[in-house]
């Protein structure tokens, strides 16, 4: 028996339930043993018998669970750069002047949409994409 222990990164795990889902999916595969996922590290460590299972099938099982295996983290850094750019852009406007103008006018669907879009960026930044 040729057991191989491997650790790969998994993007999209945000809580203990996410880690448990990945562990459960990998634990169901033939030849996979000793699965341990960590959402805080964004990694899953597992052992598998390379004569029974292969790494491509394991990565596919992670995808089927709704997560992205083995990403380089480029998406995370691009998201952080986008948020930083938005902070710089929005801080160049005087926010109290904008609020005063909004309150003195009739609130339209466009204003409500814009506020929702800005708060949505916060949610994406906190929870990931």
C-alpha atoms as a PDB file:
ATOM      1  CA  UNK A   1       0.000   0.000   0.000  1.00  0.00           C
ATOM      2  CA  UNK A   2       1.485   3.320  -1.101  1.00  0.00           C
ATOM      3  CA  UNK A   3      -0.132   5.944   1.115  1.00  0.00           C
ATOM      4  CA  UNK A   4       0.617   9.547   0.227  1.00  0.00           C
ATOM      5  CA  UNK A   5      -0.091  12.454   2.579  1.00  0.00           C
ATOM      6  CA  UNK A   6      -0.855  15.712   0.811  1.00  0.00           C
ATOM      7  CA  UNK A   7      -1.906  19.234   1.767  1.00  0.00           C
ATOM      8  CA  UNK A   8      -3.607  21.467  -0.776  1.00  0.00           C
ATOM      9  CA  UNK A   9      -5.165  24.904  -0.470  1.00  0.00           C
ATOM     10  CA  UNK A  10      -8.931  25.228  -0.777  1.00  0.00           C
ATOM     11  CA  UNK A  11     -10.535  28.591  -1.533  1.00  0.00           C
ATOM     12  CA  UNK A  12     -14.042  29.332  -0.348  1.00  0.00           C
ATOM     13  CA  UNK A  13     -14.040  27.770   3.122  1.00  0.00           C
ATOM     14  CA  UNK A  14     -15.323  30.424   5.532  1.00  0.00           C
ATOM     15  CA  UNK A  15     -16.441  28.496   8.606  1.00  0.00           C
ATOM     16  CA  UNK A  16     -16.212  25.190  10.462  1.00  0.00           C
ATOM     17  CA  UNK A  17     -19.206  23.891   8.511  1.00  0.00           C
ATOM     18  CA  UNK A  18     -17.337  24.481   5.241  1.00  0.00           C
ATOM     19  CA  UNK A  19     -14.344  22.524   6.560  1.00  0.00           C
ATOM     20  CA  UNK A  20     -16.651  19.702   7.706  1.00  0.00           C
ATOM     21  CA  UNK A  21     -18.233  19.563   4.240  1.00  0.00           C
ATOM     22  CA  UNK A  22     -14.822  19.173   2.587  1.00  0.00           C
ATOM     23  CA  UNK A  23     -13.824  16.508   5.117  1.00  0.00           C
ATOM     24  CA  UNK A  24     -17.070  14.624   4.538  1.00  0.00           C
ATOM     25  CA  UNK A  25     -16.734  14.731   0.731  1.00  0.00           C
ATOM     26  CA  UNK A  26     -13.145  13.498   0.772  1.00  0.00           C
ATOM     27  CA  UNK A  27     -13.880  10.900   3.443  1.00  0.00           C
ATOM     28  CA  UNK A  28     -16.438   9.282   1.116  1.00  0.00           C
ATOM     29  CA  UNK A  29     -13.848   8.603  -1.583  1.00  0.00           C
ATOM     30  CA  UNK A  30     -12.317   5.137  -1.800  1.00  0.00           C
ATOM     31  CA  UNK A  31      -8.689   5.072  -0.719  1.00  0.00           C
ATOM     32  CA  UNK A  32      -8.793   8.414   1.130  1.00  0.00           C
ATOM     33  CA  UNK A  33      -8.024   8.386   4.858  1.00  0.00           C
ATOM     34  CA  UNK A  34      -7.190  10.822   7.649  1.00  0.00           C
ATOM     35  CA  UNK A  35      -8.842  13.946   6.208  1.00  0.00           C
ATOM     36  CA  UNK A  36      -8.431  17.204   8.137  1.00  0.00           C
ATOM     37  CA  UNK A  37      -9.640  20.539   6.733  1.00  0.00           C
ATOM     38  CA  UNK A  38      -8.935  23.959   8.245  1.00  0.00           C
ATOM     39  CA  UNK A  39     -10.998  26.934   7.136  1.00  0.00           C
ATOM     40  CA  UNK A  40      -8.715  29.366   8.978  1.00  0.00           C
ATOM     41  CA  UNK A  41      -5.692  28.167   6.982  1.00  0.00           C
ATOM     42  CA  UNK A  42      -7.687  27.481   3.819  1.00  0.00           C
ATOM     43  CA  UNK A  43      -6.118  24.038   3.514  1.00  0.00           C
ATOM     44  CA  UNK A  44      -7.047  20.367   3.629  1.00  0.00           C
ATOM     45  CA  UNK A  45      -4.593  17.635   4.597  1.00  0.00           C
ATOM     46  CA  UNK A  46      -5.377  14.047   3.681  1.00  0.00           C
ATOM     47  CA  UNK A  47      -3.784  10.690   3.076  1.00  0.00           C
ATOM     48  CA  UNK A  48      -4.714   8.486   0.123  1.00  0.00           C
ATOM     49  CA  UNK A  49      -3.675   5.237  -1.482  1.00  0.00           C
ATOM     50  CA  UNK A  50      -2.354   6.160  -4.922  1.00  0.00           C
ATOM     51  CA  UNK A  51      -3.265   2.716  -6.292  1.00  0.00           C
ATOM     52  CA  UNK A  52      -6.950   3.270  -5.445  1.00  0.00           C
ATOM     53  CA  UNK A  53      -7.394   7.029  -5.782  1.00  0.00           C
ATOM     54  CA  UNK A  54      -5.713   9.874  -7.673  1.00  0.00           C
ATOM     55  CA  UNK A  55      -5.262  13.546  -6.902  1.00  0.00           C
ATOM     56  CA  UNK A  56      -7.368  14.654  -9.909  1.00  0.00           C
ATOM     57  CA  UNK A  57     -10.429  12.816  -8.541  1.00  0.00           C
ATOM     58  CA  UNK A  58      -9.834  14.322  -5.110  1.00  0.00           C
ATOM     59  CA  UNK A  59      -9.665  17.846  -6.575  1.00  0.00           C
ATOM     60  CA  UNK A  60     -12.864  17.126  -8.510  1.00  0.00           C
ATOM     61  CA  UNK A  61     -14.620  16.052  -5.287  1.00  0.00           C
ATOM     62  CA  UNK A  62     -13.601  19.362  -3.697  1.00  0.00           C
ATOM     63  CA  UNK A  63     -15.040  21.225  -6.715  1.00  0.00           C
ATOM     64  CA  UNK A  64     -18.277  19.234  -6.464  1.00  0.00           C
ATOM     65  CA  UNK A  65     -18.538  20.290  -2.822  1.00  0.00           C
ATOM     66  CA  UNK A  66     -18.522  23.906  -4.063  1.00  0.00           C
ATOM     67  CA  UNK A  67     -14.933  24.942  -3.323  1.00  0.00           C
ATOM     68  CA  UNK A  68     -11.845  25.710  -5.410  1.00  0.00           C
ATOM     69  CA  UNK A  69      -8.854  23.447  -4.813  1.00  0.00           C
ATOM     70  CA  UNK A  70      -5.240  24.459  -5.220  1.00  0.00           C
ATOM     71  CA  UNK A  71      -5.706  28.093  -6.110  1.00  0.00           C
ATOM     72  CA  UNK A  72      -2.669  30.347  -5.866  1.00  0.00           C
ATOM     73  CA  UNK A  73      -4.506  33.013  -3.882  1.00  0.00           C
ATOM     74  CA  UNK A  74      -4.349  35.442  -6.814  1.00  0.00           C
ATOM     75  CA  UNK A  75      -8.111  35.993  -6.631  1.00  0.00           C
ATOM     76  CA  UNK A  76      -7.869  36.935  -2.967  1.00  0.00           C
ATOM     77  CA  UNK A  77      -5.104  39.471  -3.637  1.00  0.00           C
ATOM     78  CA  UNK A  78      -6.989  40.920  -6.608  1.00  0.00           C
ATOM     79  CA  UNK A  79     -10.049  41.344  -4.382  1.00  0.00           C
ATOM     80  CA  UNK A  80      -8.018  43.096  -1.706  1.00  0.00           C
ATOM     81  CA  UNK A  81      -6.474  45.402  -4.323  1.00  0.00           C
ATOM     82  CA  UNK A  82      -9.960  46.221  -5.636  1.00  0.00           C
ATOM     83  CA  UNK A  83     -11.211  47.041  -2.132  1.00  0.00           C
ATOM     84  CA  UNK A  84      -8.152  49.215  -1.457  1.00  0.00           C
ATOM     85  CA  UNK A  85      -8.742  51.073  -4.741  1.00  0.00           C
ATOM     86  CA  UNK A  86     -12.406  51.623  -3.831  1.00  0.00           C
ATOM     87  CA  UNK A  87     -11.423  52.985  -0.409  1.00  0.00           C
ATOM     88  CA  UNK A  88      -9.006  55.450  -2.000  1.00  0.00           C
ATOM     89  CA  UNK A  89     -11.569  56.447  -4.628  1.00  0.00           C
ATOM     90  CA  UNK A  90     -14.429  56.883  -2.163  1.00  0.00           C
ATOM     91  CA  UNK A  91     -12.286  58.718   0.388  1.00  0.00           C
ATOM     92  CA  UNK A  92     -11.476  61.376  -2.200  1.00  0.00           C
ATOM     93  CA  UNK A  93     -15.106  62.521  -1.971  1.00  0.00           C
ATOM     94  CA  UNK A  94     -16.344  64.432   1.026  1.00  0.00           C
ATOM     95  CA  UNK A  95     -18.885  61.973   2.451  1.00  0.00           C
ATOM     96  CA  UNK A  96     -20.869  64.404   4.610  1.00  0.00           C
ATOM     97  CA  UNK A  97     -21.468  66.656   1.614  1.00  0.00           C
ATOM     98  CA  UNK A  98     -22.801  63.671  -0.327  1.00  0.00           C
ATOM     99  CA  UNK A  99     -25.080  62.605   2.552  1.00  0.00           C
ATOM    100  CA  UNK A 100     -26.418  66.150   2.949  1.00  0.00           C
ATOM    101  CA  UNK A 101     -27.246  66.307  -0.765  1.00  0.00           C
ATOM    102  CA  UNK A 102     -28.915  62.886  -0.684  1.00  0.00           C
ATOM    103  CA  UNK A 103     -31.094  63.802   2.280  1.00  0.00           C
ATOM    104  CA  UNK A 104     -32.173  67.093   0.741  1.00  0.00           C
ATOM    105  CA  UNK A 105     -33.393  65.344  -2.437  1.00  0.00           C
ATOM    106  CA  UNK A 106     -36.063  62.793  -3.078  1.00  0.00           C
ATOM    107  CA  UNK A 107     -34.699  59.267  -2.676  1.00  0.00           C
ATOM    108  CA  UNK A 108     -34.866  57.413  -5.983  1.00  0.00           C
ATOM    109  CA  UNK A 109     -34.358  53.804  -6.984  1.00  0.00           C
ATOM    110  CA  UNK A 110     -30.955  54.756  -8.371  1.00  0.00           C
ATOM    111  CA  UNK A 111     -29.789  56.009  -4.979  1.00  0.00           C
ATOM    112  CA  UNK A 112     -31.101  52.885  -3.256  1.00  0.00           C
ATOM    113  CA  UNK A 113     -29.339  50.718  -5.870  1.00  0.00           C
ATOM    114  CA  UNK A 114     -26.059  52.605  -5.386  1.00  0.00           C
ATOM    115  CA  UNK A 115     -26.218  52.227  -1.605  1.00  0.00           C
ATOM    116  CA  UNK A 116     -26.947  48.508  -2.027  1.00  0.00           C
ATOM    117  CA  UNK A 117     -24.021  48.154  -4.424  1.00  0.00           C
ATOM    118  CA  UNK A 118     -21.625  49.826  -2.000  1.00  0.00           C
ATOM    119  CA  UNK A 119     -22.789  47.698   0.926  1.00  0.00           C
ATOM    120  CA  UNK A 120     -22.540  44.614  -1.288  1.00  0.00           C
ATOM    121  CA  UNK A 121     -18.848  45.381  -1.829  1.00  0.00           C
ATOM    122  CA  UNK A 122     -18.426  45.288   1.944  1.00  0.00           C
ATOM    123  CA  UNK A 123     -20.078  41.866   2.108  1.00  0.00           C
ATOM    124  CA  UNK A 124     -17.869  40.533  -0.676  1.00  0.00           C
ATOM    125  CA  UNK A 125     -14.805  41.907   1.096  1.00  0.00           C
ATOM    126  CA  UNK A 126     -15.762  40.282   4.394  1.00  0.00           C
ATOM    127  CA  UNK A 127     -17.000  36.919   3.111  1.00  0.00           C
ATOM    128  CA  UNK A 128     -15.083  36.493  -0.120  1.00  0.00           C
ATOM    129  CA  UNK A 129     -16.348  35.750  -3.546  1.00  0.00           C
END
